[in-house]
C-alpha atoms as a PDB file:
ATOM      1  CA  UNK A   1     164.632 201.970 107.017  1.00  0.00           C
ATOM      2  CA  UNK A   2     162.082 204.783 106.894  1.00  0.00           C
ATOM      3  CA  UNK A   3     159.388 202.477 108.291  1.00  0.00           C
ATOM      4  CA  UNK A   4     161.717 201.549 111.163  1.00  0.00           C
ATOM      5  CA  UNK A   5     162.304 205.209 111.880  1.00  0.00           C
ATOM      6  CA  UNK A   6     158.575 205.935 111.882  1.00  0.00           C
ATOM      7  CA  UNK A   7     157.844 202.974 114.174  1.00  0.00           C
ATOM      8  CA  UNK A   8     160.757 203.325 116.633  1.00  0.00           C
ATOM      9  CA  UNK A   9     161.757 206.989 116.243  1.00  0.00           C
ATOM     10  CA  UNK A  10     165.243 206.011 115.072  1.00  0.00           C
ATOM     11  CA  UNK A  11     166.936 203.784 112.516  1.00  0.00           C
ATOM     12  CA  UNK A  12     166.984 200.303 114.036  1.00  0.00           C
ATOM     13  CA  UNK A  13     168.838 197.949 111.672  1.00  0.00           C
ATOM     14  CA  UNK A  14     171.053 200.452 109.847  1.00  0.00           C
ATOM     15  CA  UNK A  15     171.387 204.158 109.172  1.00  0.00           C
ATOM     16  CA  UNK A  16     171.358 205.832 105.721  1.00  0.00           C
ATOM     17  CA  UNK A  17     175.023 206.909 106.122  1.00  0.00           C
ATOM     18  CA  UNK A  18     176.044 203.230 106.359  1.00  0.00           C
ATOM     19  CA  UNK A  19     175.967 202.946 102.567  1.00  0.00           C
ATOM     20  CA  UNK A  20     178.748 205.564 102.447  1.00  0.00           C
ATOM     21  CA  UNK A  21     180.908 203.921 105.114  1.00  0.00           C
ATOM     22  CA  UNK A  22     183.894 203.598 102.746  1.00  0.00           C
ATOM     23  CA  UNK A  23     183.749 207.304 101.837  1.00  0.00           C
ATOM     24  CA  UNK A  24     183.367 208.343 105.480  1.00  0.00           C
ATOM     25  CA  UNK A  25     186.367 206.204 106.426  1.00  0.00           C
ATOM     26  CA  UNK A  26     188.486 207.693 103.627  1.00  0.00           C
ATOM     27  CA  UNK A  27     187.565 211.207 104.828  1.00  0.00           C
ATOM     28  CA  UNK A  28     188.341 210.342 108.466  1.00  0.00           C
ATOM     29  CA  UNK A  29     184.739 211.035 109.491  1.00  0.00           C
ATOM     30  CA  UNK A  30     183.794 210.366 113.097  1.00  0.00           C
ATOM     31  CA  UNK A  31     180.401 209.986 114.725  1.00  0.00           C
ATOM     32  CA  UNK A  32     178.948 212.510 117.123  1.00  0.00           C
ATOM     33  CA  UNK A  33     179.225 209.915 119.897  1.00  0.00           C
ATOM     34  CA  UNK A  34     182.939 209.429 119.230  1.00  0.00           C
ATOM     35  CA  UNK A  35     183.543 213.175 119.214  1.00  0.00           C
ATOM     36  CA  UNK A  36     181.613 213.690 122.463  1.00  0.00           C
ATOM     37  CA  UNK A  37     183.564 210.891 124.120  1.00  0.00           C
ATOM     38  CA  UNK A  38     186.843 212.344 122.874  1.00  0.00           C
ATOM     39  CA  UNK A  39     186.094 215.788 124.294  1.00  0.00           C
ATOM     40  CA  UNK A  40     185.137 214.299 127.676  1.00  0.00           C
ATOM     41  CA  UNK A  41     188.595 212.769 128.020  1.00  0.00           C
ATOM     42  CA  UNK A  42     190.098 216.169 128.742  1.00  0.00           C
ATOM     43  CA  UNK A  43     191.286 217.004 125.259  1.00  0.00           C
ATOM     44  CA  UNK A  44     191.099 220.481 123.770  1.00  0.00           C
ATOM     45  CA  UNK A  45     187.846 222.395 124.339  1.00  0.00           C
ATOM     46  CA  UNK A  46     187.579 222.933 120.557  1.00  0.00           C
ATOM     47  CA  UNK A  47     187.722 220.057 118.073  1.00  0.00           C
ATOM     48  CA  UNK A  48     187.765 220.209 114.263  1.00  0.00           C
ATOM     49  CA  UNK A  49     186.403 217.101 112.545  1.00  0.00           C
ATOM     50  CA  UNK A  50     184.520 215.550 109.631  1.00  0.00           C
ATOM     51  CA  UNK A  51     181.167 213.864 110.202  1.00  0.00           C
ATOM     52  CA  UNK A  52     179.030 211.736 107.852  1.00  0.00           C
ATOM     53  CA  UNK A  53     175.391 212.569 108.636  1.00  0.00           C
ATOM     54  CA  UNK A  54     171.809 212.675 107.436  1.00  0.00           C
ATOM     55  CA  UNK A  55     170.022 216.038 107.562  1.00  0.00           C
ATOM     56  CA  UNK A  56     166.845 215.361 109.571  1.00  0.00           C
ATOM     57  CA  UNK A  57     165.447 218.907 109.774  1.00  0.00           C
ATOM     58  CA  UNK A  58     166.509 222.494 109.086  1.00  0.00           C
ATOM     59  CA  UNK A  59     165.239 225.883 110.204  1.00  0.00           C
ATOM     60  CA  UNK A  60     166.346 229.316 109.117  1.00  0.00           C
ATOM     61  CA  UNK A  61     166.875 231.639 112.073  1.00  0.00           C
ATOM     62  CA  UNK A  62     167.960 235.202 112.605  1.00  0.00           C
ATOM     63  CA  UNK A  63     170.772 236.188 114.978  1.00  0.00           C
ATOM     64  CA  UNK A  64     170.558 239.099 117.397  1.00  0.00           C
ATOM     65  CA  UNK A  65     172.479 241.151 114.838  1.00  0.00           C
ATOM     66  CA  UNK A  66     169.926 240.365 112.145  1.00  0.00           C
ATOM     67  CA  UNK A  67     172.010 237.841 110.176  1.00  0.00           C
ATOM     68  CA  UNK A  68     170.346 234.690 108.832  1.00  0.00           C
ATOM     69  CA  UNK A  69     171.750 231.317 109.854  1.00  0.00           C
ATOM     70  CA  UNK A  70     170.702 227.698 109.579  1.00  0.00           C
ATOM     71  CA  UNK A  71     169.925 225.561 112.604  1.00  0.00           C
ATOM     72  CA  UNK A  72     169.404 221.879 111.988  1.00  0.00           C
ATOM     73  CA  UNK A  73     168.905 218.430 113.394  1.00  0.00           C
ATOM     74  CA  UNK A  74     171.336 215.847 112.061  1.00  0.00           C
ATOM     75  CA  UNK A  75     171.848 212.155 112.757  1.00  0.00           C
ATOM     76  CA  UNK A  76     174.507 209.517 112.351  1.00  0.00           C
ATOM     77  CA  UNK A  77     174.855 205.965 113.604  1.00  0.00           C
ATOM     78  CA  UNK A  78     175.348 207.218 117.176  1.00  0.00           C
ATOM     79  CA  UNK A  79     172.155 209.308 117.306  1.00  0.00           C
ATOM     80  CA  UNK A  80     170.823 212.820 116.729  1.00  0.00           C
ATOM     81  CA  UNK A  81     172.419 216.177 117.434  1.00  0.00           C
ATOM     82  CA  UNK A  82     171.843 219.858 116.768  1.00  0.00           C
ATOM     83  CA  UNK A  83     174.181 222.039 114.717  1.00  0.00           C
ATOM     84  CA  UNK A  84     174.311 225.581 113.353  1.00  0.00           C
ATOM     85  CA  UNK A  85     175.763 227.028 110.168  1.00  0.00           C
ATOM     86  CA  UNK A  86     176.511 230.716 109.702  1.00  0.00           C
ATOM     87  CA  UNK A  87     178.124 230.653 106.236  1.00  0.00           C
ATOM     88  CA  UNK A  88     175.487 231.440 103.593  1.00  0.00           C
ATOM     89  CA  UNK A  89     176.963 229.268 100.807  1.00  0.00           C
ATOM     90  CA  UNK A  90     177.289 226.246 103.088  1.00  0.00           C
ATOM     91  CA  UNK A  91     173.743 226.807 104.400  1.00  0.00           C
ATOM     92  CA  UNK A  92     172.415 226.638 100.854  1.00  0.00           C
ATOM     93  CA  UNK A  93     174.253 223.357 100.202  1.00  0.00           C
ATOM     94  CA  UNK A  94     172.788 221.852 103.371  1.00  0.00           C
ATOM     95  CA  UNK A  95     169.296 223.045 102.459  1.00  0.00           C
ATOM     96  CA  UNK A  96     169.576 221.504  98.974  1.00  0.00           C
ATOM     97  CA  UNK A  97     170.803 218.180 100.389  1.00  0.00           C
ATOM     98  CA  UNK A  98     167.994 218.203 102.951  1.00  0.00           C
ATOM     99  CA  UNK A  99     165.465 218.644 100.131  1.00  0.00           C
ATOM    100  CA  UNK A 100     167.117 215.812  98.164  1.00  0.00           C
ATOM    101  CA  UNK A 101     167.307 213.519 101.221  1.00  0.00           C
ATOM    102  CA  UNK A 102     171.015 212.937 100.613  1.00  0.00           C
ATOM    103  CA  UNK A 103     173.616 212.247 103.282  1.00  0.00           C
ATOM    104  CA  UNK A 104     176.261 214.897 103.927  1.00  0.00           C
ATOM    105  CA  UNK A 105     179.916 215.030 104.882  1.00  0.00           C
ATOM    106  CA  UNK A 106     180.200 217.966 107.279  1.00  0.00           C
ATOM    107  CA  UNK A 107     183.357 219.806 108.269  1.00  0.00           C
ATOM    108  CA  UNK A 108     182.595 220.953 111.812  1.00  0.00           C
ATOM    109  CA  UNK A 109     183.960 222.735 114.852  1.00  0.00           C
ATOM    110  CA  UNK A 110     182.898 221.292 118.185  1.00  0.00           C
ATOM    111  CA  UNK A 111     183.143 223.684 121.086  1.00  0.00           C
ATOM    112  CA  UNK A 112     182.630 222.461 124.649  1.00  0.00           C
ATOM    113  CA  UNK A 113     181.541 225.209 127.026  1.00  0.00           C
ATOM    114  CA  UNK A 114     182.202 224.849 130.769  1.00  0.00           C
ATOM    115  CA  UNK A 115     179.263 223.133 132.442  1.00  0.00           C
ATOM    116  CA  UNK A 116     177.753 221.774 129.220  1.00  0.00           C
ATOM    117  CA  UNK A 117     177.565 218.010 128.635  1.00  0.00           C
ATOM    118  CA  UNK A 118     177.252 218.205 124.866  1.00  0.00           C
ATOM    119  CA  UNK A 119     179.543 220.319 122.667  1.00  0.00           C
ATOM    120  CA  UNK A 120     178.160 222.990 120.364  1.00  0.00           C
ATOM    121  CA  UNK A 121     178.502 222.023 116.712  1.00  0.00           C
ATOM    122  CA  UNK A 122     179.228 224.700 114.104  1.00  0.00           C
ATOM    123  CA  UNK A 123     179.260 223.642 110.458  1.00  0.00           C
ATOM    124  CA  UNK A 124     182.077 225.048 108.310  1.00  0.00           C
ATOM    125  CA  UNK A 125     181.631 222.980 105.142  1.00  0.00           C
ATOM    126  CA  UNK A 126     179.285 220.434 103.535  1.00  0.00           C
ATOM    127  CA  UNK A 127     179.557 218.007 100.605  1.00  0.00           C
ATOM    128  CA  UNK A 128     177.062 215.472  99.272  1.00  0.00           C
ATOM    129  CA  UNK A 129     178.113 211.938 100.175  1.00  0.00           C
ATOM    130  CA  UNK A 130     176.679 210.628  96.888  1.00  0.00           C
ATOM    131  CA  UNK A 131     178.954 212.943  94.886  1.00  0.00           C
ATOM    132  CA  UNK A 132     181.965 211.950  96.976  1.00  0.00           C
ATOM    133  CA  UNK A 133     181.125 208.269  96.479  1.00  0.00           C
ATOM    134  CA  UNK A 134     180.838 208.739  92.705  1.00  0.00           C
ATOM    135  CA  UNK A 135     184.307 210.299  92.626  1.00  0.00           C
ATOM    136  CA  UNK A 136     185.934 207.826  95.044  1.00  0.00           C
ATOM    137  CA  UNK A 137     188.593 205.503  93.785  1.00  0.00           C
ATOM    138  CA  UNK A 138     188.331 201.890  94.805  1.00  0.00           C
ATOM    139  CA  UNK A 139     191.333 199.800  95.769  1.00  0.00           C
ATOM    140  CA  UNK A 140     191.522 196.022  95.667  1.00  0.00           C
ATOM    141  CA  UNK A 141     194.295 194.255  97.530  1.00  0.00           C
ATOM    142  CA  UNK A 142     195.015 190.607  96.830  1.00  0.00           C
ATOM    143  CA  UNK A 143     197.298 188.577  99.068  1.00  0.00           C
ATOM    144  CA  UNK A 144     198.872 185.488  97.512  1.00  0.00           C
ATOM    145  CA  UNK A 145     200.878 183.342  99.940  1.00  0.00           C
ATOM    146  CA  UNK A 146     202.993 180.974  97.822  1.00  0.00           C
ATOM    147  CA  UNK A 147     204.280 182.314  94.498  1.00  0.00           C
ATOM    148  CA  UNK A 148     203.206 179.079  92.815  1.00  0.00           C
ATOM    149  CA  UNK A 149     199.580 180.146  93.182  1.00  0.00           C
ATOM    150  CA  UNK A 150     200.217 183.079  90.815  1.00  0.00           C
ATOM    151  CA  UNK A 151     200.623 180.760  87.870  1.00  0.00           C
END
């Protein structure tokens, strides 16, 4: 997948978050594309959601008031997007997961400003997808039509 990304500039056949699809589904995670489409339909200007993503790049910045915050580039199966995090503990989790190359489940606020095509993404929480997958319970459902087959 990394060679595809280097050659094409994006993941062509699959994305790293695909391996955590079951965890993302259980956590009601949505893609950035789904969330952008939802906000265009005239719903609330602010949306709270979970997103399963890969941390592509991070940069520490300083606000006008002198507070440090994290600005990053993230991607999911629908493409790349920019997001900011202002909570120090969450920023440190994201930085650690970026260094590990692990996928992340983000709790985000999306805020659509008048005149902007893409909502602003503010990160409120972050958890490693690998840790969530290790703790996930699996369920197997078996359907048996006639009772005679049970014997």
